[in-house]
Amino acid sequence: MQARGIISEHPAPGLFRDSRPAAPEAEKLEALFRDSLPAYPANPQAHQDYVNWLRDSLKMLYYDQEQQRQLEAKLRAAMEQWSESLPEEIEPRLW
């Protein structure tokens, strides 16, 4: 999966601003997730990877409040999509 390659090139953020992927890379990664999840909604690993990437993004220290709200809304939507696509999965229901 292409998204996993980008994630491995840009690991979870640390305390330094330099650890964040460049905006075009983050946009590309998000576009890959947006395209892949509807293409095969029954893939639990794709949902989990996207949710983990959003959670890691929320841990970054340099987002302002508006960016935080946007990421939280994306995470909420990702959890809802995961729950609808795979009703037997427990994690999105506990969130």
PDB file of N, CA and C in Angstrom:
ATOM      1  N   MET A   1       0.841  -1.170   0.000  1.00  0.00           N
ATOM      2  CA  MET A   1       0.000   0.000   0.000  1.00  0.00           C
ATOM      3  C   MET A   1       0.889   1.237   0.000  1.00  0.00           C
ATOM      4  N   GLN A   2       0.613   2.186  -0.867  1.00  0.00           N
ATOM      5  CA  GLN A   2       1.442   3.372  -1.012  1.00  0.00           C
ATOM      6  C   GLN A   2       1.480   4.200   0.263  1.00  0.00           C
ATOM      7  N   ALA A   3       0.373   4.266   0.975  1.00  0.00           N
ATOM      8  CA  ALA A   3       0.321   5.073   2.192  1.00  0.00           C
ATOM      9  C   ALA A   3       1.332   4.577   3.218  1.00  0.00           C
ATOM     10  N   ARG A   4       1.493   3.276   3.342  1.00  0.00           N
ATOM     11  CA  ARG A   4       2.459   2.733   4.302  1.00  0.00           C
ATOM     12  C   ARG A   4       3.882   3.163   3.959  1.00  0.00           C
ATOM     13  N   GLY A   5       4.193   3.235   2.672  1.00  0.00           N
ATOM     14  CA  GLY A   5       5.515   3.692   2.257  1.00  0.00           C
ATOM     15  C   GLY A   5       5.771   5.125   2.680  1.00  0.00           C
ATOM     16  N   ILE A   6       4.784   5.974   2.531  1.00  0.00           N
ATOM     17  CA  ILE A   6       4.944   7.377   2.926  1.00  0.00           C
ATOM     18  C   ILE A   6       5.047   7.477   4.434  1.00  0.00           C
ATOM     19  N   ILE A   7       4.252   6.681   5.165  1.00  0.00           N
ATOM     20  CA  ILE A   7       4.330   6.713   6.626  1.00  0.00           C
ATOM     21  C   ILE A   7       5.712   6.289   7.088  1.00  0.00           C
ATOM     22  N   SER A   8       6.271   5.243   6.481  1.00  0.00           N
ATOM     23  CA  SER A   8       7.589   4.789   6.912  1.00  0.00           C
ATOM     24  C   SER A   8       8.672   5.815   6.574  1.00  0.00           C
ATOM     25  N   GLU A   9       8.472   6.579   5.506  1.00  0.00           N
ATOM     26  CA  GLU A   9       9.427   7.639   5.181  1.00  0.00           C
ATOM     27  C   GLU A   9       9.307   8.809   6.143  1.00  0.00           C
ATOM     28  N   HIS A  10       8.106   8.997   6.700  1.00  0.00           N
ATOM     29  CA  HIS A  10       7.837  10.094   7.628  1.00  0.00           C
ATOM     30  C   HIS A  10       7.225   9.517   8.895  1.00  0.00           C
ATOM     31  N   PRO A  11       8.075   9.046   9.823  1.00  0.00           N
ATOM     32  CA  PRO A  11       7.565   8.396  11.019  1.00  0.00           C
ATOM     33  C   PRO A  11       6.777   9.360  11.893  1.00  0.00           C
ATOM     34  N   ALA A  12       6.223   8.805  12.942  1.00  0.00           N
ATOM     35  CA  ALA A  12       5.431   9.616  13.874  1.00  0.00           C
ATOM     36  C   ALA A  12       6.227  10.826  14.329  1.00  0.00           C
ATOM     37  N   PRO A  13       5.554  11.943  14.506  1.00  0.00           N
ATOM     38  CA  PRO A  13       6.238  13.177  14.847  1.00  0.00           C
ATOM     39  C   PRO A  13       6.872  13.133  16.229  1.00  0.00           C
ATOM     40  N   GLY A  14       7.936  13.884  16.376  1.00  0.00           N
ATOM     41  CA  GLY A  14       8.607  14.013  17.649  1.00  0.00           C
ATOM     42  C   GLY A  14       8.347  15.391  18.227  1.00  0.00           C
ATOM     43  N   LEU A  15       9.263  15.849  19.023  1.00  0.00           N
ATOM     44  CA  LEU A  15       9.097  17.151  19.654  1.00  0.00           C
ATOM     45  C   LEU A  15       9.549  18.306  18.766  1.00  0.00           C
ATOM     46  N   PHE A  16      10.197  18.002  17.681  1.00  0.00           N
ATOM     47  CA  PHE A  16      10.768  19.058  16.866  1.00  0.00           C
ATOM     48  C   PHE A  16       9.942  19.292  15.618  1.00  0.00           C
ATOM     49  N   ARG A  17       9.850  20.524  15.214  1.00  0.00           N
ATOM     50  CA  ARG A  17       9.073  20.874  14.034  1.00  0.00           C
ATOM     51  C   ARG A  17       9.619  20.195  12.782  1.00  0.00           C
ATOM     52  N   ASP A  18      10.895  19.926  12.734  1.00  0.00           N
ATOM     53  CA  ASP A  18      11.501  19.316  11.556  1.00  0.00           C
ATOM     54  C   ASP A  18      11.024  17.887  11.325  1.00  0.00           C
ATOM     55  N   SER A  19      10.417  17.281  12.330  1.00  0.00           N
ATOM     56  CA  SER A  19       9.994  15.890  12.184  1.00  0.00           C
ATOM     57  C   SER A  19       8.678  15.754  11.422  1.00  0.00           C
ATOM     58  N   ARG A  20       8.006  16.851  11.152  1.00  0.00           N
ATOM     59  CA  ARG A  20       6.721  16.799  10.443  1.00  0.00           C
ATOM     60  C   ARG A  20       6.954  16.595   8.956  1.00  0.00           C
ATOM     61  N   PRO A  21       6.139  15.733   8.313  1.00  0.00           N
ATOM     62  CA  PRO A  21       6.254  15.610   6.859  1.00  0.00           C
ATOM     63  C   PRO A  21       5.880  16.930   6.196  1.00  0.00           C
ATOM     64  N   ALA A  22       6.448  17.186   5.069  1.00  0.00           N
ATOM     65  CA  ALA A  22       6.115  18.396   4.331  1.00  0.00           C
ATOM     66  C   ALA A  22       4.633  18.357   3.977  1.00  0.00           C
ATOM     67  N   ALA A  23       4.022  19.533   3.865  1.00  0.00           N
ATOM     68  CA  ALA A  23       2.590  19.620   3.586  1.00  0.00           C
ATOM     69  C   ALA A  23       2.190  18.820   2.343  1.00  0.00           C
ATOM     70  N   PRO A  24       2.946  18.906   1.239  1.00  0.00           N
ATOM     71  CA  PRO A  24       2.550  18.102   0.070  1.00  0.00           C
ATOM     72  C   PRO A  24       2.551  16.600   0.355  1.00  0.00           C
ATOM     73  N   GLU A  25       3.488  16.128   1.171  1.00  0.00           N
ATOM     74  CA  GLU A  25       3.532  14.703   1.514  1.00  0.00           C
ATOM     75  C   GLU A  25       2.328  14.315   2.360  1.00  0.00           C
ATOM     76  N   ALA A  26       1.967  15.168   3.312  1.00  0.00           N
ATOM     77  CA  ALA A  26       0.801  14.876   4.152  1.00  0.00           C
ATOM     78  C   ALA A  26      -0.471  14.886   3.313  1.00  0.00           C
ATOM     79  N   GLU A  27      -0.577  15.833   2.401  1.00  0.00           N
ATOM     80  CA  GLU A  27      -1.749  15.890   1.522  1.00  0.00           C
ATOM     81  C   GLU A  27      -1.811  14.659   0.621  1.00  0.00           C
ATOM     82  N   LYS A  28      -0.658  14.245   0.111  1.00  0.00           N
ATOM     83  CA  LYS A  28      -0.606  13.057  -0.746  1.00  0.00           C
ATOM     84  C   LYS A  28      -1.027  11.818   0.044  1.00  0.00           C
ATOM     85  N   LEU A  29      -0.527  11.705   1.258  1.00  0.00           N
ATOM     86  CA  LEU A  29      -0.866  10.571   2.104  1.00  0.00           C
ATOM     87  C   LEU A  29      -2.362  10.552   2.403  1.00  0.00           C
ATOM     88  N   GLU A  30      -2.911  11.690   2.743  1.00  0.00           N
ATOM     89  CA  GLU A  30      -4.342  11.739   3.043  1.00  0.00           C
ATOM     90  C   GLU A  30      -5.172  11.404   1.797  1.00  0.00           C
ATOM     91  N   ALA A  31      -4.736  11.868   0.644  1.00  0.00           N
ATOM     92  CA  ALA A  31      -5.443  11.549  -0.605  1.00  0.00           C
ATOM     93  C   ALA A  31      -5.418  10.044  -0.875  1.00  0.00           C
ATOM     94  N   LEU A  32      -4.296   9.404  -0.583  1.00  0.00           N
ATOM     95  CA  LEU A  32      -4.210   7.947  -0.775  1.00  0.00           C
ATOM     96  C   LEU A  32      -5.193   7.221   0.134  1.00  0.00           C
ATOM     97  N   PHE A  33      -5.273   7.673   1.375  1.00  0.00           N
ATOM     98  CA  PHE A  33      -6.238   7.061   2.286  1.00  0.00           C
ATOM     99  C   PHE A  33      -7.665   7.315   1.811  1.00  0.00           C
ATOM    100  N   ARG A  34      -7.963   8.547   1.407  1.00  0.00           N
ATOM    101  CA  ARG A  34      -9.317   8.881   0.944  1.00  0.00           C
ATOM    102  C   ARG A  34      -9.714   8.036  -0.261  1.00  0.00           C
ATOM    103  N   ASP A  35      -8.760   7.731  -1.123  1.00  0.00           N
ATOM    104  CA  ASP A  35      -9.058   6.917  -2.309  1.00  0.00           C
ATOM    105  C   ASP A  35      -9.137   5.432  -1.988  1.00  0.00           C
ATOM    106  N   SER A  36      -8.282   4.961  -1.083  1.00  0.00           N
ATOM    107  CA  SER A  36      -8.216   3.522  -0.832  1.00  0.00           C
ATOM    108  C   SER A  36      -9.347   3.012   0.054  1.00  0.00           C
ATOM    109  N   LEU A  37      -9.777   3.799   1.016  1.00  0.00           N
ATOM    110  CA  LEU A  37     -10.817   3.315   1.930  1.00  0.00           C
ATOM    111  C   LEU A  37     -12.145   3.041   1.219  1.00  0.00           C
ATOM    112  N   PRO A  38     -12.631   3.936   0.372  1.00  0.00           N
ATOM    113  CA  PRO A  38     -13.878   3.605  -0.341  1.00  0.00           C
ATOM    114  C   PRO A  38     -13.691   2.489  -1.373  1.00  0.00           C
ATOM    115  N   ALA A  39     -12.484   2.343  -1.894  1.00  0.00           N
ATOM    116  CA  ALA A  39     -12.236   1.301  -2.892  1.00  0.00           C
ATOM    117  C   ALA A  39     -12.368  -0.095  -2.288  1.00  0.00           C
ATOM    118  N   TYR A  40     -11.940  -0.254  -1.040  1.00  0.00           N
ATOM    119  CA  TYR A  40     -12.053  -1.547  -0.363  1.00  0.00           C
ATOM    120  C   TYR A  40     -12.376  -1.286   1.117  1.00  0.00           C
ATOM    121  N   PRO A  41     -13.639  -0.952   1.400  1.00  0.00           N
ATOM    122  CA  PRO A  41     -13.998  -0.564   2.769  1.00  0.00           C
ATOM    123  C   PRO A  41     -13.900  -1.686   3.797  1.00  0.00           C
ATOM    124  N   ALA A  42     -13.819  -2.930   3.360  1.00  0.00           N
ATOM    125  CA  ALA A  42     -13.748  -4.053   4.298  1.00  0.00           C
ATOM    126  C   ALA A  42     -12.324  -4.362   4.740  1.00  0.00           C
ATOM    127  N   ASN A  43     -11.366  -3.510   4.409  1.00  0.00           N
ATOM    128  CA  ASN A  43      -9.973  -3.725   4.791  1.00  0.00           C
ATOM    129  C   ASN A  43      -9.710  -3.078   6.151  1.00  0.00           C
ATOM    130  N   PRO A  44      -9.682  -3.863   7.223  1.00  0.00           N
ATOM    131  CA  PRO A  44      -9.501  -3.271   8.549  1.00  0.00           C
ATOM    132  C   PRO A  44      -8.137  -2.610   8.734  1.00  0.00           C
ATOM    133  N   GLN A  45      -7.111  -3.140   8.080  1.00  0.00           N
ATOM    134  CA  GLN A  45      -5.770  -2.572   8.238  1.00  0.00           C
ATOM    135  C   GLN A  45      -5.702  -1.155   7.669  1.00  0.00           C
ATOM    136  N   ALA A  46      -6.384  -0.901   6.569  1.00  0.00           N
ATOM    137  CA  ALA A  46      -6.390   0.439   5.982  1.00  0.00           C
ATOM    138  C   ALA A  46      -7.054   1.436   6.927  1.00  0.00           C
ATOM    139  N   HIS A  47      -8.159   1.033   7.530  1.00  0.00           N
ATOM    140  CA  HIS A  47      -8.834   1.912   8.488  1.00  0.00           C
ATOM    141  C   HIS A  47      -7.928   2.188   9.689  1.00  0.00           C
ATOM    142  N   GLN A  48      -7.312   1.137  10.197  1.00  0.00           N
ATOM    143  CA  GLN A  48      -6.462   1.297  11.370  1.00  0.00           C
ATOM    144  C   GLN A  48      -5.246   2.171  11.049  1.00  0.00           C
ATOM    145  N   ASP A  49      -4.638   1.989   9.883  1.00  0.00           N
ATOM    146  CA  ASP A  49      -3.493   2.815   9.498  1.00  0.00           C
ATOM    147  C   ASP A  49      -3.884   4.287   9.408  1.00  0.00           C
ATOM    148  N   TYR A  50      -5.047   4.569   8.812  1.00  0.00           N
ATOM    149  CA  TYR A  50      -5.492   5.947   8.676  1.00  0.00           C
ATOM    150  C   TYR A  50      -5.766   6.573  10.043  1.00  0.00           C
ATOM    151  N   VAL A  51      -6.439   5.835  10.913  1.00  0.00           N
ATOM    152  CA  VAL A  51      -6.726   6.332  12.257  1.00  0.00           C
ATOM    153  C   VAL A  51      -5.428   6.572  13.026  1.00  0.00           C
ATOM    154  N   ASN A  52      -4.484   5.654  12.936  1.00  0.00           N
ATOM    155  CA  ASN A  52      -3.200   5.829  13.623  1.00  0.00           C
ATOM    156  C   ASN A  52      -2.453   7.037  13.090  1.00  0.00           C
ATOM    157  N   TRP A  53      -2.501   7.247  11.782  1.00  0.00           N
ATOM    158  CA  TRP A  53      -1.837   8.408  11.200  1.00  0.00           C
ATOM    159  C   TRP A  53      -2.486   9.706  11.697  1.00  0.00           C
ATOM    160  N   LEU A  54      -3.813   9.732  11.768  1.00  0.00           N
ATOM    161  CA  LEU A  54      -4.498  10.915  12.286  1.00  0.00           C
ATOM    162  C   LEU A  54      -4.167  11.137  13.759  1.00  0.00           C
ATOM    163  N   ARG A  55      -4.128  10.070  14.544  1.00  0.00           N
ATOM    164  CA  ARG A  55      -3.777  10.208  15.968  1.00  0.00           C
ATOM    165  C   ARG A  55      -2.356  10.739  16.123  1.00  0.00           C
ATOM    166  N   ASP A  56      -1.432  10.223  15.330  1.00  0.00           N
ATOM    167  CA  ASP A  56      -0.058  10.719  15.383  1.00  0.00           C
ATOM    168  C   ASP A  56      -0.007  12.188  14.987  1.00  0.00           C
ATOM    169  N   SER A  57      -0.789  12.559  14.008  1.00  0.00           N
ATOM    170  CA  SER A  57      -0.826  13.956  13.583  1.00  0.00           C
ATOM    171  C   SER A  57      -1.350  14.852  14.693  1.00  0.00           C
ATOM    172  N   LEU A  58      -2.310  14.367  15.460  1.00  0.00           N
ATOM    173  CA  LEU A  58      -2.860  15.155  16.565  1.00  0.00           C
ATOM    174  C   LEU A  58      -1.843  15.374  17.684  1.00  0.00           C
ATOM    175  N   LYS A  59      -0.838  14.523  17.761  1.00  0.00           N
ATOM    176  CA  LYS A  59       0.174  14.652  18.807  1.00  0.00           C
ATOM    177  C   LYS A  59       1.201  15.743  18.504  1.00  0.00           C
ATOM    178  N   MET A  60       1.189  16.259  17.298  1.00  0.00           N
ATOM    179  CA  MET A  60       2.150  17.294  16.935  1.00  0.00           C
ATOM    180  C   MET A  60       1.878  18.552  17.756  1.00  0.00           C
ATOM    181  N   LEU A  61       2.926  19.185  18.193  1.00  0.00           N
ATOM    182  CA  LEU A  61       2.805  20.305  19.115  1.00  0.00           C
ATOM    183  C   LEU A  61       2.574  21.652  18.448  1.00  0.00           C
ATOM    184  N   TYR A  62       2.691  21.751  17.171  1.00  0.00           N
ATOM    185  CA  TYR A  62       2.677  23.059  16.529  1.00  0.00           C
ATOM    186  C   TYR A  62       1.384  23.375  15.799  1.00  0.00           C
ATOM    187  N   TYR A  63       0.347  22.602  15.977  1.00  0.00           N
ATOM    188  CA  TYR A  63      -0.931  22.916  15.355  1.00  0.00           C
ATOM    189  C   TYR A  63      -1.667  23.958  16.185  1.00  0.00           C
ATOM    190  N   ASP A  64      -2.321  24.897  15.502  1.00  0.00           N
ATOM    191  CA  ASP A  64      -3.151  25.844  16.239  1.00  0.00           C
ATOM    192  C   ASP A  64      -4.504  25.197  16.513  1.00  0.00           C
ATOM    193  N   GLN A  65      -5.386  25.906  17.213  1.00  0.00           N
ATOM    194  CA  GLN A  65      -6.656  25.306  17.621  1.00  0.00           C
ATOM    195  C   GLN A  65      -7.531  24.924  16.436  1.00  0.00           C
ATOM    196  N   GLU A  66      -7.547  25.738  15.410  1.00  0.00           N
ATOM    197  CA  GLU A  66      -8.365  25.428  14.236  1.00  0.00           C
ATOM    198  C   GLU A  66      -7.869  24.159  13.544  1.00  0.00           C
ATOM    199  N   GLN A  67      -6.560  24.024  13.404  1.00  0.00           N
ATOM    200  CA  GLN A  67      -6.007  22.814  12.794  1.00  0.00           C
ATOM    201  C   GLN A  67      -6.303  21.592  13.659  1.00  0.00           C
ATOM    202  N   GLN A  68      -6.237  21.746  14.983  1.00  0.00           N
ATOM    203  CA  GLN A  68      -6.567  20.651  15.894  1.00  0.00           C
ATOM    204  C   GLN A  68      -8.014  20.215  15.684  1.00  0.00           C
ATOM    205  N   ARG A  69      -8.926  21.189  15.605  1.00  0.00           N
ATOM    206  CA  ARG A  69     -10.345  20.871  15.402  1.00  0.00           C
ATOM    207  C   ARG A  69     -10.563  20.137  14.082  1.00  0.00           C
ATOM    208  N   GLN A  70      -9.878  20.573  13.047  1.00  0.00           N
ATOM    209  CA  GLN A  70     -10.018  19.921  11.744  1.00  0.00           C
ATOM    210  C   GLN A  70      -9.547  18.473  11.805  1.00  0.00           C
ATOM    211  N   LEU A  71      -8.406  18.255  12.457  1.00  0.00           N
ATOM    212  CA  LEU A  71      -7.897  16.884  12.586  1.00  0.00           C
ATOM    213  C   LEU A  71      -8.831  16.023  13.435  1.00  0.00           C
ATOM    214  N   GLU A  72      -9.369  16.593  14.500  1.00  0.00           N
ATOM    215  CA  GLU A  72     -10.303  15.843  15.335  1.00  0.00           C
ATOM    216  C   GLU A  72     -11.557  15.480  14.550  1.00  0.00           C
ATOM    217  N   ALA A  73     -12.029  16.392  13.695  1.00  0.00           N
ATOM    218  CA  ALA A  73     -13.197  16.100  12.859  1.00  0.00           C
ATOM    219  C   ALA A  73     -12.874  14.987  11.863  1.00  0.00           C
ATOM    220  N   LYS A  74     -11.672  15.006  11.297  1.00  0.00           N
ATOM    221  CA  LYS A  74     -11.265  13.951  10.373  1.00  0.00           C
ATOM    222  C   LYS A  74     -11.176  12.610  11.095  1.00  0.00           C
ATOM    223  N   LEU A  75     -10.657  12.627  12.325  1.00  0.00           N
ATOM    224  CA  LEU A  75     -10.559  11.396  13.108  1.00  0.00           C
ATOM    225  C   LEU A  75     -11.955  10.860  13.426  1.00  0.00           C
ATOM    226  N   ARG A  76     -12.860  11.744  13.813  1.00  0.00           N
ATOM    227  CA  ARG A  76     -14.235  11.334  14.100  1.00  0.00           C
ATOM    228  C   ARG A  76     -14.874  10.708  12.852  1.00  0.00           C
ATOM    229  N   ALA A  77     -14.704  11.351  11.698  1.00  0.00           N
ATOM    230  CA  ALA A  77     -15.257  10.823  10.449  1.00  0.00           C
ATOM    231  C   ALA A  77     -14.618   9.478  10.084  1.00  0.00           C
ATOM    232  N   ALA A  78     -13.309   9.347  10.320  1.00  0.00           N
ATOM    233  CA  ALA A  78     -12.614   8.086  10.022  1.00  0.00           C
ATOM    234  C   ALA A  78     -13.141   6.961  10.903  1.00  0.00           C
ATOM    235  N   MET A  79     -13.388   7.268  12.175  1.00  0.00           N
ATOM    236  CA  MET A  79     -13.935   6.253  13.084  1.00  0.00           C
ATOM    237  C   MET A  79     -15.345   5.856  12.665  1.00  0.00           C
ATOM    238  N   GLU A  80     -16.147   6.826  12.257  1.00  0.00           N
ATOM    239  CA  GLU A  80     -17.504   6.515  11.809  1.00  0.00           C
ATOM    240  C   GLU A  80     -17.474   5.659  10.542  1.00  0.00           C
ATOM    241  N   GLN A  81     -16.587   6.024   9.611  1.00  0.00           N
ATOM    242  CA  GLN A  81     -16.473   5.253   8.377  1.00  0.00           C
ATOM    243  C   GLN A  81     -16.019   3.827   8.674  1.00  0.00           C
ATOM    244  N   TRP A  82     -15.056   3.677   9.576  1.00  0.00           N
ATOM    245  CA  TRP A  82     -14.557   2.363   9.964  1.00  0.00           C
ATOM    246  C   TRP A  82     -15.690   1.538  10.595  1.00  0.00           C
ATOM    247  N   SER A  83     -16.449   2.159  11.476  1.00  0.00           N
ATOM    248  CA  SER A  83     -17.541   1.477  12.152  1.00  0.00           C
ATOM    249  C   SER A  83     -18.634   1.045  11.175  1.00  0.00           C
ATOM    250  N   GLU A  84     -18.936   1.901  10.205  1.00  0.00           N
ATOM    251  CA  GLU A  84     -19.958   1.561   9.212  1.00  0.00           C
ATOM    252  C   GLU A  84     -19.473   0.479   8.253  1.00  0.00           C
ATOM    253  N   SER A  85     -18.200   0.537   7.884  1.00  0.00           N
ATOM    254  CA  SER A  85     -17.657  -0.426   6.928  1.00  0.00           C
ATOM    255  C   SER A  85     -17.446  -1.800   7.538  1.00  0.00           C
ATOM    256  N   LEU A  86     -17.075  -1.818   8.793  1.00  0.00           N
ATOM    257  CA  LEU A  86     -16.790  -3.087   9.481  1.00  0.00           C
ATOM    258  C   LEU A  86     -17.525  -3.108  10.819  1.00  0.00           C
ATOM    259  N   PRO A  87     -18.814  -3.420  10.814  1.00  0.00           N
ATOM    260  CA  PRO A  87     -19.599  -3.366  12.047  1.00  0.00           C
ATOM    261  C   PRO A  87     -19.106  -4.305  13.146  1.00  0.00           C
ATOM    262  N   GLU A  88     -18.363  -5.341  12.768  1.00  0.00           N
ATOM    263  CA  GLU A  88     -17.869  -6.284  13.779  1.00  0.00           C
ATOM    264  C   GLU A  88     -16.618  -5.778  14.505  1.00  0.00           C
ATOM    265  N   GLU A  89     -16.005  -4.726  14.010  1.00  0.00           N
ATOM    266  CA  GLU A  89     -14.809  -4.170  14.654  1.00  0.00           C
ATOM    267  C   GLU A  89     -15.199  -3.429  15.940  1.00  0.00           C
ATOM    268  N   ILE A  90     -14.412  -3.605  16.971  1.00  0.00           N
ATOM    269  CA  ILE A  90     -14.730  -3.028  18.272  1.00  0.00           C
ATOM    270  C   ILE A  90     -14.100  -1.648  18.459  1.00  0.00           C
ATOM    271  N   GLU A  91     -12.859  -1.472  18.032  1.00  0.00           N
ATOM    272  CA  GLU A  91     -12.120  -0.234  18.320  1.00  0.00           C
ATOM    273  C   GLU A  91     -12.864   1.049  17.927  1.00  0.00           C
ATOM    274  N   PRO A  92     -13.443   1.148  16.741  1.00  0.00           N
ATOM    275  CA  PRO A  92     -14.112   2.411  16.409  1.00  0.00           C
ATOM    276  C   PRO A  92     -15.352   2.680  17.266  1.00  0.00           C
ATOM    277  N   ARG A  93     -15.932   1.649  17.800  1.00  0.00           N
ATOM    278  CA  ARG A  93     -17.118   1.829  18.646  1.00  0.00           C
ATOM    279  C   ARG A  93     -16.749   2.285  20.045  1.00  0.00           C
ATOM    280  N   LEU A  94     -15.558   1.956  20.504  1.00  0.00           N
ATOM    281  CA  LEU A  94     -15.112   2.364  21.827  1.00  0.00           C
ATOM    282  C   LEU A  94     -14.589   3.789  21.867  1.00  0.00           C
ATOM    283  N   TRP A  95     -14.318   4.337  20.721  1.00  0.00           N
ATOM    284  CA  TRP A  95     -13.737   5.674  20.665  1.00  0.00           C
ATOM    285  C   TRP A  95     -14.690   6.718  21.032  1.00  0.00           C
TER     286      TRP A  95
END
